[in-house]
Amino acid sequence: MTLDSGYHLVLAPPGCGKTDILAEVVRALSCGVSLNDMLFLTFTNRAARGMRSRILERLQSSGKMSLFVGNVHRFRSHPL
């Protein structure tokens, strides 16, 4: 599966391989999609920390990125 264009929502129970979708972040960046146009939401702080660390690992980044990774409650209180 590739995510070439448009908006994408991935909802599935734990252990289904949703993390594999994170590889698409690298692909999207190579296709010209800006990190500012990406949003990753989870339901818990723990899941958000794990997701952020996996994204940073895939991007081989030191931690500074403009991508929002957090839970739905943090997103609602985050100024845009």
PDB file of N, CA and C in Angstrom:
ATOM      1  N   MET A   1       0.847  -1.175   0.000  1.00  0.00           N
ATOM      2  CA  MET A   1       0.000   0.000   0.000  1.00  0.00           C
ATOM      3  C   MET A   1       0.894   1.239   0.000  1.00  0.00           C
ATOM      4  N   THR A   2       0.549   2.205  -0.803  1.00  0.00           N
ATOM      5  CA  THR A   2       1.254   3.476  -0.798  1.00  0.00           C
ATOM      6  C   THR A   2       0.250   4.601  -0.591  1.00  0.00           C
ATOM      7  N   LEU A   3       0.745   5.670  -0.048  1.00  0.00           N
ATOM      8  CA  LEU A   3      -0.092   6.837   0.230  1.00  0.00           C
ATOM      9  C   LEU A   3       0.402   7.976  -0.645  1.00  0.00           C
ATOM     10  N   ASP A   4      -0.009   7.969  -1.888  1.00  0.00           N
ATOM     11  CA  ASP A   4       0.521   8.930  -2.852  1.00  0.00           C
ATOM     12  C   ASP A   4      -0.084  10.319  -2.760  1.00  0.00           C
ATOM     13  N   SER A   5      -1.358  10.413  -2.403  1.00  0.00           N
ATOM     14  CA  SER A   5      -1.980  11.732  -2.359  1.00  0.00           C
ATOM     15  C   SER A   5      -3.218  11.695  -1.482  1.00  0.00           C
ATOM     16  N   GLY A   6      -3.715  12.863  -1.142  1.00  0.00           N
ATOM     17  CA  GLY A   6      -4.941  12.962  -0.372  1.00  0.00           C
ATOM     18  C   GLY A   6      -4.717  12.836   1.123  1.00  0.00           C
ATOM     19  N   TYR A   7      -5.814  12.659   1.838  1.00  0.00           N
ATOM     20  CA  TYR A   7      -5.791  12.530   3.284  1.00  0.00           C
ATOM     21  C   TYR A   7      -5.963  11.063   3.640  1.00  0.00           C
ATOM     22  N   HIS A   8      -5.323  10.639   4.739  1.00  0.00           N
ATOM     23  CA  HIS A   8      -5.388   9.244   5.125  1.00  0.00           C
ATOM     24  C   HIS A   8      -5.607   9.126   6.625  1.00  0.00           C
ATOM     25  N   LEU A   9      -6.517   8.259   7.014  1.00  0.00           N
ATOM     26  CA  LEU A   9      -6.805   7.976   8.406  1.00  0.00           C
ATOM     27  C   LEU A   9      -6.598   6.486   8.612  1.00  0.00           C
ATOM     28  N   VAL A  10      -5.776   6.140   9.597  1.00  0.00           N
ATOM     29  CA  VAL A  10      -5.510   4.732   9.896  1.00  0.00           C
ATOM     30  C   VAL A  10      -6.032   4.450  11.298  1.00  0.00           C
ATOM     31  N   LEU A  11      -7.069   3.636  11.394  1.00  0.00           N
ATOM     32  CA  LEU A  11      -7.641   3.230  12.672  1.00  0.00           C
ATOM     33  C   LEU A  11      -7.637   1.712  12.728  1.00  0.00           C
ATOM     34  N   ALA A  12      -7.044   1.165  13.761  1.00  0.00           N
ATOM     35  CA  ALA A  12      -7.004  -0.283  13.924  1.00  0.00           C
ATOM     36  C   ALA A  12      -6.591  -0.602  15.353  1.00  0.00           C
ATOM     37  N   PRO A  13      -6.917  -1.790  15.828  1.00  0.00           N
ATOM     38  CA  PRO A  13      -6.545  -2.162  17.195  1.00  0.00           C
ATOM     39  C   PRO A  13      -5.038  -2.379  17.330  1.00  0.00           C
ATOM     40  N   PRO A  14      -4.538  -2.428  18.562  1.00  0.00           N
ATOM     41  CA  PRO A  14      -3.112  -2.641  18.797  1.00  0.00           C
ATOM     42  C   PRO A  14      -2.618  -3.935  18.145  1.00  0.00           C
ATOM     43  N   GLY A  15      -1.382  -3.881  17.666  1.00  0.00           N
ATOM     44  CA  GLY A  15      -0.749  -5.073  17.123  1.00  0.00           C
ATOM     45  C   GLY A  15      -1.062  -5.400  15.687  1.00  0.00           C
ATOM     46  N   CYS A  16      -1.670  -4.479  14.965  1.00  0.00           N
ATOM     47  CA  CYS A  16      -2.063  -4.735  13.574  1.00  0.00           C
ATOM     48  C   CYS A  16      -1.021  -4.303  12.554  1.00  0.00           C
ATOM     49  N   GLY A  17       0.012  -3.623  12.988  1.00  0.00           N
ATOM     50  CA  GLY A  17       1.031  -3.176  12.051  1.00  0.00           C
ATOM     51  C   GLY A  17       0.865  -1.738  11.585  1.00  0.00           C
ATOM     52  N   LYS A  18       0.116  -0.943  12.337  1.00  0.00           N
ATOM     53  CA  LYS A  18      -0.060   0.460  11.964  1.00  0.00           C
ATOM     54  C   LYS A  18       1.281   1.187  11.892  1.00  0.00           C
ATOM     55  N   THR A  19       2.222   0.749  12.711  1.00  0.00           N
ATOM     56  CA  THR A  19       3.538   1.380  12.733  1.00  0.00           C
ATOM     57  C   THR A  19       4.221   1.282  11.376  1.00  0.00           C
ATOM     58  N   ASP A  20       3.929   0.246  10.623  1.00  0.00           N
ATOM     59  CA  ASP A  20       4.516   0.119   9.290  1.00  0.00           C
ATOM     60  C   ASP A  20       4.127   1.281   8.395  1.00  0.00           C
ATOM     61  N   ILE A  21       2.995   1.890   8.666  1.00  0.00           N
ATOM     62  CA  ILE A  21       2.551   3.049   7.893  1.00  0.00           C
ATOM     63  C   ILE A  21       3.539   4.204   8.062  1.00  0.00           C
ATOM     64  N   LEU A  22       4.257   4.238   9.186  1.00  0.00           N
ATOM     65  CA  LEU A  22       5.206   5.317   9.427  1.00  0.00           C
ATOM     66  C   LEU A  22       6.299   5.380   8.369  1.00  0.00           C
ATOM     67  N   ALA A  23       6.559   4.281   7.720  1.00  0.00           N
ATOM     68  CA  ALA A  23       7.548   4.296   6.638  1.00  0.00           C
ATOM     69  C   ALA A  23       7.098   5.221   5.520  1.00  0.00           C
ATOM     70  N   GLU A  24       5.813   5.436   5.406  1.00  0.00           N
ATOM     71  CA  GLU A  24       5.280   6.316   4.374  1.00  0.00           C
ATOM     72  C   GLU A  24       5.649   7.776   4.613  1.00  0.00           C
ATOM     73  N   VAL A  25       6.020   8.126   5.842  1.00  0.00           N
ATOM     74  CA  VAL A  25       6.459   9.499   6.118  1.00  0.00           C
ATOM     75  C   VAL A  25       7.676   9.813   5.257  1.00  0.00           C
ATOM     76  N   VAL A  26       8.630   8.908   5.225  1.00  0.00           N
ATOM     77  CA  VAL A  26       9.841   9.096   4.431  1.00  0.00           C
ATOM     78  C   VAL A  26       9.478   9.195   2.955  1.00  0.00           C
ATOM     79  N   ARG A  27       8.578   8.346   2.501  1.00  0.00           N
ATOM     80  CA  ARG A  27       8.157   8.362   1.100  1.00  0.00           C
ATOM     81  C   ARG A  27       7.454   9.668   0.765  1.00  0.00           C
ATOM     82  N   ALA A  28       6.572  10.120   1.656  1.00  0.00           N
ATOM     83  CA  ALA A  28       5.855  11.376   1.424  1.00  0.00           C
ATOM     84  C   ALA A  28       6.832  12.547   1.324  1.00  0.00           C
ATOM     85  N   LEU A  29       7.825  12.565   2.210  1.00  0.00           N
ATOM     86  CA  LEU A  29       8.832  13.632   2.160  1.00  0.00           C
ATOM     87  C   LEU A  29       9.578  13.603   0.838  1.00  0.00           C
ATOM     88  N   SER A  30       9.890  12.414   0.350  1.00  0.00           N
ATOM     89  CA  SER A  30      10.610  12.318  -0.922  1.00  0.00           C
ATOM     90  C   SER A  30       9.742  12.735  -2.103  1.00  0.00           C
ATOM     91  N   CYS A  31       8.414  12.718  -1.909  1.00  0.00           N
ATOM     92  CA  CYS A  31       7.483  13.156  -2.961  1.00  0.00           C
ATOM     93  C   CYS A  31       7.140  14.633  -2.835  1.00  0.00           C
ATOM     94  N   GLY A  32       7.754  15.326  -1.854  1.00  0.00           N
ATOM     95  CA  GLY A  32       7.546  16.763  -1.732  1.00  0.00           C
ATOM     96  C   GLY A  32       6.522  17.208  -0.709  1.00  0.00           C
ATOM     97  N   VAL A  33       5.983  16.296   0.089  1.00  0.00           N
ATOM     98  CA  VAL A  33       5.029  16.677   1.131  1.00  0.00           C
ATOM     99  C   VAL A  33       5.811  17.255   2.306  1.00  0.00           C
ATOM    100  N   SER A  34       5.387  18.384   2.810  1.00  0.00           N
ATOM    101  CA  SER A  34       6.055  19.054   3.919  1.00  0.00           C
ATOM    102  C   SER A  34       5.651  18.428   5.256  1.00  0.00           C
ATOM    103  N   LEU A  35       6.573  18.429   6.213  1.00  0.00           N
ATOM    104  CA  LEU A  35       6.240  17.961   7.558  1.00  0.00           C
ATOM    105  C   LEU A  35       5.118  18.802   8.162  1.00  0.00           C
ATOM    106  N   ASN A  36       5.033  20.068   7.772  1.00  0.00           N
ATOM    107  CA  ASN A  36       3.971  20.944   8.277  1.00  0.00           C
ATOM    108  C   ASN A  36       2.588  20.493   7.831  1.00  0.00           C
ATOM    109  N   ASP A  37       2.521  19.677   6.797  1.00  0.00           N
ATOM    110  CA  ASP A  37       1.245  19.190   6.289  1.00  0.00           C
ATOM    111  C   ASP A  37       0.877  17.816   6.841  1.00  0.00           C
ATOM    112  N   MET A  38       1.657  17.307   7.780  1.00  0.00           N
ATOM    113  CA  MET A  38       1.400  15.993   8.364  1.00  0.00           C
ATOM    114  C   MET A  38       0.964  16.141   9.812  1.00  0.00           C
ATOM    115  N   LEU A  39       0.109  15.238  10.230  1.00  0.00           N
ATOM    116  CA  LEU A  39      -0.410  15.234  11.594  1.00  0.00           C
ATOM    117  C   LEU A  39      -0.555  13.783  12.030  1.00  0.00           C
ATOM    118  N   PHE A  40       0.016  13.443  13.185  1.00  0.00           N
ATOM    119  CA  PHE A  40      -0.101  12.102  13.733  1.00  0.00           C
ATOM    120  C   PHE A  40      -0.774  12.192  15.092  1.00  0.00           C
ATOM    121  N   LEU A  41      -1.933  11.578  15.235  1.00  0.00           N
ATOM    122  CA  LEU A  41      -2.669  11.580  16.488  1.00  0.00           C
ATOM    123  C   LEU A  41      -2.829  10.165  17.016  1.00  0.00           C
ATOM    124  N   THR A  42      -2.714  10.026  18.324  1.00  0.00           N
ATOM    125  CA  THR A  42      -2.951   8.758  19.002  1.00  0.00           C
ATOM    126  C   THR A  42      -3.935   9.034  20.130  1.00  0.00           C
ATOM    127  N   PHE A  43      -4.236   8.002  20.895  1.00  0.00           N
ATOM    128  CA  PHE A  43      -5.192   8.174  21.980  1.00  0.00           C
ATOM    129  C   PHE A  43      -4.532   8.343  23.343  1.00  0.00           C
ATOM    130  N   THR A  44      -3.243   8.016  23.463  1.00  0.00           N
ATOM    131  CA  THR A  44      -2.565   8.120  24.760  1.00  0.00           C
ATOM    132  C   THR A  44      -1.221   8.823  24.596  1.00  0.00           C
ATOM    133  N   ASN A  45      -0.741   9.390  25.703  1.00  0.00           N
ATOM    134  CA  ASN A  45       0.584  10.014  25.701  1.00  0.00           C
ATOM    135  C   ASN A  45       1.671   8.988  25.424  1.00  0.00           C
ATOM    136  N   ARG A  46       1.517   7.802  25.998  1.00  0.00           N
ATOM    137  CA  ARG A  46       2.513   6.740  25.804  1.00  0.00           C
ATOM    138  C   ARG A  46       2.620   6.368  24.326  1.00  0.00           C
ATOM    139  N   ALA A  47       1.494   6.203  23.674  1.00  0.00           N
ATOM    140  CA  ALA A  47       1.497   5.869  22.246  1.00  0.00           C
ATOM    141  C   ALA A  47       2.105   7.006  21.429  1.00  0.00           C
ATOM    142  N   ALA A  48       1.843   8.243  21.810  1.00  0.00           N
ATOM    143  CA  ALA A  48       2.398   9.400  21.097  1.00  0.00           C
ATOM    144  C   ALA A  48       3.916   9.429  21.226  1.00  0.00           C
ATOM    145  N   ARG A  49       4.430   9.158  22.430  1.00  0.00           N
ATOM    146  CA  ARG A  49       5.887   9.121  22.614  1.00  0.00           C
ATOM    147  C   ARG A  49       6.510   8.027  21.752  1.00  0.00           C
ATOM    148  N   GLY A  50       5.887   6.865  21.730  1.00  0.00           N
ATOM    149  CA  GLY A  50       6.401   5.768  20.919  1.00  0.00           C
ATOM    150  C   GLY A  50       6.367   6.090  19.438  1.00  0.00           C
ATOM    151  N   MET A  51       5.271   6.702  18.998  1.00  0.00           N
ATOM    152  CA  MET A  51       5.141   7.056  17.589  1.00  0.00           C
ATOM    153  C   MET A  51       6.186   8.090  17.200  1.00  0.00           C
ATOM    154  N   ARG A  52       6.356   9.100  18.039  1.00  0.00           N
ATOM    155  CA  ARG A  52       7.334  10.143  17.744  1.00  0.00           C
ATOM    156  C   ARG A  52       8.745   9.554  17.650  1.00  0.00           C
ATOM    157  N   SER A  53       9.097   8.676  18.575  1.00  0.00           N
ATOM    158  CA  SER A  53      10.442   8.096  18.542  1.00  0.00           C
ATOM    159  C   SER A  53      10.635   7.233  17.296  1.00  0.00           C
ATOM    160  N   ARG A  54       9.602   6.506  16.866  1.00  0.00           N
ATOM    161  CA  ARG A  54       9.723   5.696  15.655  1.00  0.00           C
ATOM    162  C   ARG A  54       9.831   6.566  14.408  1.00  0.00           C
ATOM    163  N   ILE A  55       9.101   7.668  14.389  1.00  0.00           N
ATOM    164  CA  ILE A  55       9.196   8.581  13.242  1.00  0.00           C
ATOM    165  C   ILE A  55      10.599   9.182  13.185  1.00  0.00           C
ATOM    166  N   LEU A  56      11.102   9.646  14.335  1.00  0.00           N
ATOM    167  CA  LEU A  56      12.451  10.219  14.374  1.00  0.00           C
ATOM    168  C   LEU A  56      13.491   9.193  13.929  1.00  0.00           C
ATOM    169  N   GLU A  57      13.288   7.952  14.349  1.00  0.00           N
ATOM    170  CA  GLU A  57      14.208   6.885  13.943  1.00  0.00           C
ATOM    171  C   GLU A  57      14.171   6.675  12.435  1.00  0.00           C
ATOM    172  N   ARG A  58      12.974   6.649  11.873  1.00  0.00           N
ATOM    173  CA  ARG A  58      12.848   6.458  10.424  1.00  0.00           C
ATOM    174  C   ARG A  58      13.431   7.625   9.645  1.00  0.00           C
ATOM    175  N   LEU A  59      13.277   8.825  10.191  1.00  0.00           N
ATOM    176  CA  LEU A  59      13.799  10.018   9.522  1.00  0.00           C
ATOM    177  C   LEU A  59      15.261  10.259   9.857  1.00  0.00           C
ATOM    178  N   GLN A  60      15.784   9.483  10.785  1.00  0.00           N
ATOM    179  CA  GLN A  60      17.155   9.658  11.274  1.00  0.00           C
ATOM    180  C   GLN A  60      17.372  11.096  11.708  1.00  0.00           C
ATOM    181  N   SER A  61      16.441  11.571  12.536  1.00  0.00           N
ATOM    182  CA  SER A  61      16.439  12.958  12.989  1.00  0.00           C
ATOM    183  C   SER A  61      16.871  13.040  14.450  1.00  0.00           C
ATOM    184  N   SER A  62      17.380  14.186  14.829  1.00  0.00           N
ATOM    185  CA  SER A  62      17.837  14.408  16.199  1.00  0.00           C
ATOM    186  C   SER A  62      16.703  14.791  17.141  1.00  0.00           C
ATOM    187  N   GLY A  63      15.538  15.040  16.636  1.00  0.00           N
ATOM    188  CA  GLY A  63      14.421  15.394  17.504  1.00  0.00           C
ATOM    189  C   GLY A  63      13.759  16.705  17.164  1.00  0.00           C
ATOM    190  N   LYS A  64      14.406  17.529  16.362  1.00  0.00           N
ATOM    191  CA  LYS A  64      13.805  18.800  15.973  1.00  0.00           C
ATOM    192  C   LYS A  64      13.055  18.601  14.666  1.00  0.00           C
ATOM    193  N   MET A  65      11.741  18.666  14.745  1.00  0.00           N
ATOM    194  CA  MET A  65      10.937  18.583  13.540  1.00  0.00           C
ATOM    195  C   MET A  65       9.636  19.308  13.789  1.00  0.00           C
ATOM    196  N   SER A  66       9.036  19.808  12.738  1.00  0.00           N
ATOM    197  CA  SER A  66       7.820  20.593  12.868  1.00  0.00           C
ATOM    198  C   SER A  66       6.566  19.725  12.806  1.00  0.00           C
ATOM    199  N   LEU A  67       6.723  18.434  12.746  1.00  0.00           N
ATOM    200  CA  LEU A  67       5.606  17.497  12.672  1.00  0.00           C
ATOM    201  C   LEU A  67       4.915  17.393  14.025  1.00  0.00           C
ATOM    202  N   PHE A  68       3.577  17.498  14.043  1.00  0.00           N
ATOM    203  CA  PHE A  68       2.834  17.353  15.295  1.00  0.00           C
ATOM    204  C   PHE A  68       2.554  15.873  15.527  1.00  0.00           C
ATOM    205  N   VAL A  69       3.048  15.372  16.656  1.00  0.00           N
ATOM    206  CA  VAL A  69       2.759  14.008  17.096  1.00  0.00           C
ATOM    207  C   VAL A  69       2.257  14.121  18.518  1.00  0.00           C
ATOM    208  N   GLY A  70       1.031  13.709  18.765  1.00  0.00           N
ATOM    209  CA  GLY A  70       0.484  13.803  20.109  1.00  0.00           C
ATOM    210  C   GLY A  70      -0.851  13.104  20.202  1.00  0.00           C
ATOM    211  N   ASN A  71      -1.454  13.198  21.385  1.00  0.00           N
ATOM    212  CA  ASN A  71      -2.774  12.577  21.519  1.00  0.00           C
ATOM    213  C   ASN A  71      -3.861  13.591  21.159  1.00  0.00           C
ATOM    214  N   VAL A  72      -5.073  13.094  21.043  1.00  0.00           N
ATOM    215  CA  VAL A  72      -6.162  13.949  20.571  1.00  0.00           C
ATOM    216  C   VAL A  72      -6.426  15.114  21.521  1.00  0.00           C
ATOM    217  N   HIS A  73      -6.222  14.917  22.827  1.00  0.00           N
ATOM    218  CA  HIS A  73      -6.470  15.994  23.790  1.00  0.00           C
ATOM    219  C   HIS A  73      -5.425  17.100  23.650  1.00  0.00           C
ATOM    220  N   ARG A  74      -4.175  16.726  23.447  1.00  0.00           N
ATOM    221  CA  ARG A  74      -3.121  17.723  23.260  1.00  0.00           C
ATOM    222  C   ARG A  74      -3.353  18.506  21.978  1.00  0.00           C
ATOM    223  N   PHE A  75      -3.800  17.818  20.940  1.00  0.00           N
ATOM    224  CA  PHE A  75      -4.066  18.485  19.666  1.00  0.00           C
ATOM    225  C   PHE A  75      -5.153  19.539  19.809  1.00  0.00           C
ATOM    226  N   ARG A  76      -6.190  19.230  20.569  1.00  0.00           N
ATOM    227  CA  ARG A  76      -7.295  20.170  20.756  1.00  0.00           C
ATOM    228  C   ARG A  76      -6.843  21.416  21.501  1.00  0.00           C
ATOM    229  N   SER A  77      -5.822  21.293  22.359  1.00  0.00           N
ATOM    230  CA  SER A  77      -5.356  22.450  23.126  1.00  0.00           C
ATOM    231  C   SER A  77      -4.156  23.121  22.472  1.00  0.00           C
ATOM    232  N   HIS A  78      -3.691  22.582  21.361  1.00  0.00           N
ATOM    233  CA  HIS A  78      -2.513  23.103  20.666  1.00  0.00           C
ATOM    234  C   HIS A  78      -2.914  24.269  19.766  1.00  0.00           C
ATOM    235  N   PRO A  79      -2.291  25.433  19.945  1.00  0.00           N
ATOM    236  CA  PRO A  79      -2.622  26.557  19.059  1.00  0.00           C
ATOM    237  C   PRO A  79      -2.078  26.302  17.652  1.00  0.00           C
ATOM    238  N   LEU A  80      -2.888  26.546  16.656  1.00  0.00           N
ATOM    239  CA  LEU A  80      -2.461  26.317  15.273  1.00  0.00           C
ATOM    240  C   LEU A  80      -1.893  27.557  14.661  1.00  0.00           C
TER     241      LEU A  80
END
